[in-house]
C-alpha atoms as a PDB file:
ATOM      1  CA  MET A   1     128.825 251.012 221.477  1.00  0.00           C
ATOM      2  CA  PRO A   2     126.967 254.256 222.146  1.00  0.00           C
ATOM      3  CA  ALA A   3     126.201 256.478 219.164  1.00  0.00           C
ATOM      4  CA  CYS A   4     128.458 259.294 220.420  1.00  0.00           C
ATOM      5  CA  MET A   5     131.413 256.899 220.678  1.00  0.00           C
ATOM      6  CA  ARG A   6     130.727 255.569 217.160  1.00  0.00           C
ATOM      7  CA  ALA A   7     130.606 259.123 215.821  1.00  0.00           C
ATOM      8  CA  SER A   8     133.858 260.030 217.612  1.00  0.00           C
ATOM      9  CA  LEU A   9     135.550 256.902 216.303  1.00  0.00           C
ATOM     10  CA  ALA A  10     134.322 257.601 212.764  1.00  0.00           C
ATOM     11  CA  LEU A  11     135.643 261.168 212.967  1.00  0.00           C
ATOM     12  CA  LEU A  12     139.000 259.988 214.297  1.00  0.00           C
ATOM     13  CA  LEU A  13     139.310 257.408 211.511  1.00  0.00           C
ATOM     14  CA  ALA A  14     138.382 259.996 208.868  1.00  0.00           C
ATOM     15  CA  LEU A  15     140.988 262.436 210.185  1.00  0.00           C
ATOM     16  CA  TRP A  16     143.630 259.706 210.299  1.00  0.00           C
ATOM     17  CA  ALA A  17     142.831 258.593 206.744  1.00  0.00           C
ATOM     18  CA  GLY A  18     143.021 262.182 205.526  1.00  0.00           C
ATOM     19  CA  ALA A  19     146.397 262.707 207.205  1.00  0.00           C
ATOM     20  CA  ALA A  20     147.730 259.437 205.807  1.00  0.00           C
ATOM     21  CA  GLY A  21     146.525 260.402 202.326  1.00  0.00           C
ATOM     22  CA  ALA A  22     148.169 263.825 202.580  1.00  0.00           C
ATOM     23  CA  GLN A  23     151.456 262.235 203.649  1.00  0.00           C
ATOM     24  CA  ALA A  24     151.280 259.790 200.733  1.00  0.00           C
ATOM     25  CA  ASP A  25     150.593 262.643 198.292  1.00  0.00           C
ATOM     26  CA  ASP A  26     153.478 264.632 199.762  1.00  0.00           C
ATOM     27  CA  TYR A  27     155.838 261.627 199.436  1.00  0.00           C
ATOM     28  CA  PHE A  28     154.763 261.014 195.845  1.00  0.00           C
ATOM     29  CA  SER A  29     155.341 264.654 194.900  1.00  0.00           C
ATOM     30  CA  ARG A  30     158.799 264.593 196.493  1.00  0.00           C
ATOM     31  CA  VAL A  31     159.737 261.632 194.279  1.00  0.00           C
ATOM     32  CA  ASP A  32     157.927 262.916 191.144  1.00  0.00           C
ATOM     33  CA  LEU A  33     160.563 265.596 190.554  1.00  0.00           C
ATOM     34  CA  ASP A  34     159.160 266.921 187.267  1.00  0.00           C
ATOM     35  CA  GLY A  35     155.558 266.907 188.531  1.00  0.00           C
ATOM     36  CA  ASP A  36     154.148 264.924 185.608  1.00  0.00           C
ATOM     37  CA  GLY A  37     152.209 262.493 187.812  1.00  0.00           C
ATOM     38  CA  ARG A  38     154.587 259.597 187.072  1.00  0.00           C
ATOM     39  CA  VAL A  39     157.945 258.570 188.526  1.00  0.00           C
ATOM     40  CA  SER A  40     160.678 257.576 186.093  1.00  0.00           C
ATOM     41  CA  LEU A  41     163.680 255.441 187.011  1.00  0.00           C
ATOM     42  CA  PRO A  42     166.040 258.474 187.053  1.00  0.00           C
ATOM     43  CA  GLU A  43     163.656 260.328 189.410  1.00  0.00           C
ATOM     44  CA  PHE A  44     163.390 257.255 191.635  1.00  0.00           C
ATOM     45  CA  LEU A  45     167.168 256.778 191.750  1.00  0.00           C
ATOM     46  CA  GLU A  46     167.769 260.451 192.464  1.00  0.00           C
ATOM     47  CA  ARG A  47     165.341 260.458 195.386  1.00  0.00           C
ATOM     48  CA  MET A  48     166.499 257.102 196.749  1.00  0.00           C
ATOM     49  CA  GLY A  49     170.129 258.228 196.430  1.00  0.00           C
ATOM     50  CA  PHE A  50     169.627 261.303 198.616  1.00  0.00           C
ATOM     51  CA  ALA A  51     170.600 259.514 201.842  1.00  0.00           C
ATOM     52  CA  PHE A  52     173.570 257.880 200.098  1.00  0.00           C
ATOM     53  CA  GLY A  53     174.867 261.308 199.102  1.00  0.00           C
ATOM     54  CA  GLN A  54     174.400 262.646 202.609  1.00  0.00           C
ATOM     55  CA  MET A  55     176.269 259.712 204.153  1.00  0.00           C
ATOM     56  CA  ASP A  56     179.129 259.709 201.606  1.00  0.00           C
ATOM     57  CA  VAL A  57     181.130 262.359 203.454  1.00  0.00           C
ATOM     58  CA  ASP A  58     184.261 262.114 201.346  1.00  0.00           C
ATOM     59  CA  GLY A  59     182.284 262.151 198.076  1.00  0.00           C
ATOM     60  CA  ASP A  60     183.993 259.104 196.566  1.00  0.00           C
ATOM     61  CA  ASN A  61     180.694 257.320 195.694  1.00  0.00           C
ATOM     62  CA  VAL A  62     181.481 254.551 198.178  1.00  0.00           C
ATOM     63  CA  LEU A  63     179.868 254.183 201.578  1.00  0.00           C
ATOM     64  CA  GLU A  64     182.555 252.833 203.844  1.00  0.00           C
ATOM     65  CA  PRO A  65     181.554 251.125 207.121  1.00  0.00           C
ATOM     66  CA  HIS A  66     182.361 254.247 209.166  1.00  0.00           C
ATOM     67  CA  GLU A  67     180.118 256.342 206.897  1.00  0.00           C
ATOM     68  CA  GLN A  68     177.268 253.860 207.403  1.00  0.00           C
ATOM     69  CA  HIS A  69     177.659 253.927 211.191  1.00  0.00           C
ATOM     70  CA  ILE A  70     177.539 250.122 211.142  1.00  0.00           C
ATOM     71  CA  PRO A  71     180.802 248.613 212.433  1.00  0.00           C
ATOM     72  CA  ASP A  72     180.806 245.374 210.407  1.00  0.00           C
ATOM     73  CA  ALA A  73     179.121 246.689 207.261  1.00  0.00           C
ATOM     74  CA  ARG A  74     180.756 246.124 203.920  1.00  0.00           C
ATOM     75  CA  ALA A  75     181.461 249.040 201.627  1.00  0.00           C
ATOM     76  CA  ILE A  76     178.647 249.855 199.166  1.00  0.00           C
ATOM     77  CA  THR A  77     179.312 251.658 195.902  1.00  0.00           C
ATOM     78  CA  LEU A  78     176.870 254.082 194.342  1.00  0.00           C
ATOM     79  CA  ALA A  79     176.604 251.675 191.388  1.00  0.00           C
ATOM     80  CA  GLU A  80     175.544 248.848 193.748  1.00  0.00           C
ATOM     81  CA  HIS A  81     173.074 251.170 195.437  1.00  0.00           C
ATOM     82  CA  HIS A  82     171.569 252.089 192.032  1.00  0.00           C
ATOM     83  CA  GLU A  83     171.440 248.424 191.035  1.00  0.00           C
ATOM     84  CA  ARG A  84     169.446 247.538 194.168  1.00  0.00           C
ATOM     85  CA  PHE A  85     167.003 250.385 193.701  1.00  0.00           C
ATOM     86  CA  THR A  86     166.632 249.685 189.970  1.00  0.00           C
ATOM     87  CA  ALA A  87     165.553 246.154 190.887  1.00  0.00           C
ATOM     88  CA  GLN A  88     163.136 247.601 193.468  1.00  0.00           C
ATOM     89  CA  PHE A  89     161.743 250.020 190.852  1.00  0.00           C
ATOM     90  CA  ARG A  90     161.114 247.135 188.445  1.00  0.00           C
ATOM     91  CA  ARG A  91     159.325 245.143 191.155  1.00  0.00           C
ATOM     92  CA  GLN A  92     157.118 248.153 191.960  1.00  0.00           C
ATOM     93  CA  ASP A  93     156.339 248.767 188.249  1.00  0.00           C
ATOM     94  CA  SER A  94     153.524 246.226 188.194  1.00  0.00           C
ATOM     95  CA  ASN A  95     152.321 247.085 184.675  1.00  0.00           C
ATOM     96  CA  GLY A  96     155.863 247.095 183.240  1.00  0.00           C
ATOM     97  CA  ASP A  97     155.588 250.469 181.490  1.00  0.00           C
ATOM     98  CA  GLY A  98     158.856 251.843 182.925  1.00  0.00           C
ATOM     99  CA  LEU A  99     157.072 254.439 185.080  1.00  0.00           C
ATOM    100  CA  LEU A 100     155.591 254.308 188.553  1.00  0.00           C
ATOM    101  CA  THR A 101     152.099 255.599 189.124  1.00  0.00           C
ATOM    102  CA  ARG A 102     151.122 256.903 192.549  1.00  0.00           C
ATOM    103  CA  ALA A 103     149.558 253.508 193.383  1.00  0.00           C
ATOM    104  CA  GLU A 104     152.649 251.582 192.261  1.00  0.00           C
ATOM    105  CA  LEU A 105     155.036 253.820 194.202  1.00  0.00           C
ATOM    106  CA  LEU A 106     152.974 253.724 197.381  1.00  0.00           C
ATOM    107  CA  ALA A 107     152.261 249.973 197.260  1.00  0.00           C
ATOM    108  CA  PRO A 108     154.148 247.856 199.798  1.00  0.00           C
ATOM    109  CA  PRO A 109     157.485 246.715 198.328  1.00  0.00           C
ATOM    110  CA  ARG A 110     157.547 243.249 196.838  1.00  0.00           C
END
């Protein structure tokens, strides 16, 4: 590969990595509501519950099939939603300290 193509490719990869890093930082700061550099379970549940709240049009803490826009879906309660995301939080908390670091939050879900 010619040197100019290698340089262009290296620049493109550096720009892409920088953009990906900025997006990851932005996502982390949107979940880290108190800005302390760690994500607690209440912060995680609040952020992960945002879509639930938007979809729950009647505000009864239950997503009915018509609110999910999935014809054969079963109803999901807010408590079930929290239970699922609590389990996800615990899987992401690889060191078991009850808080998610940036690396733990941004790691692929297990």
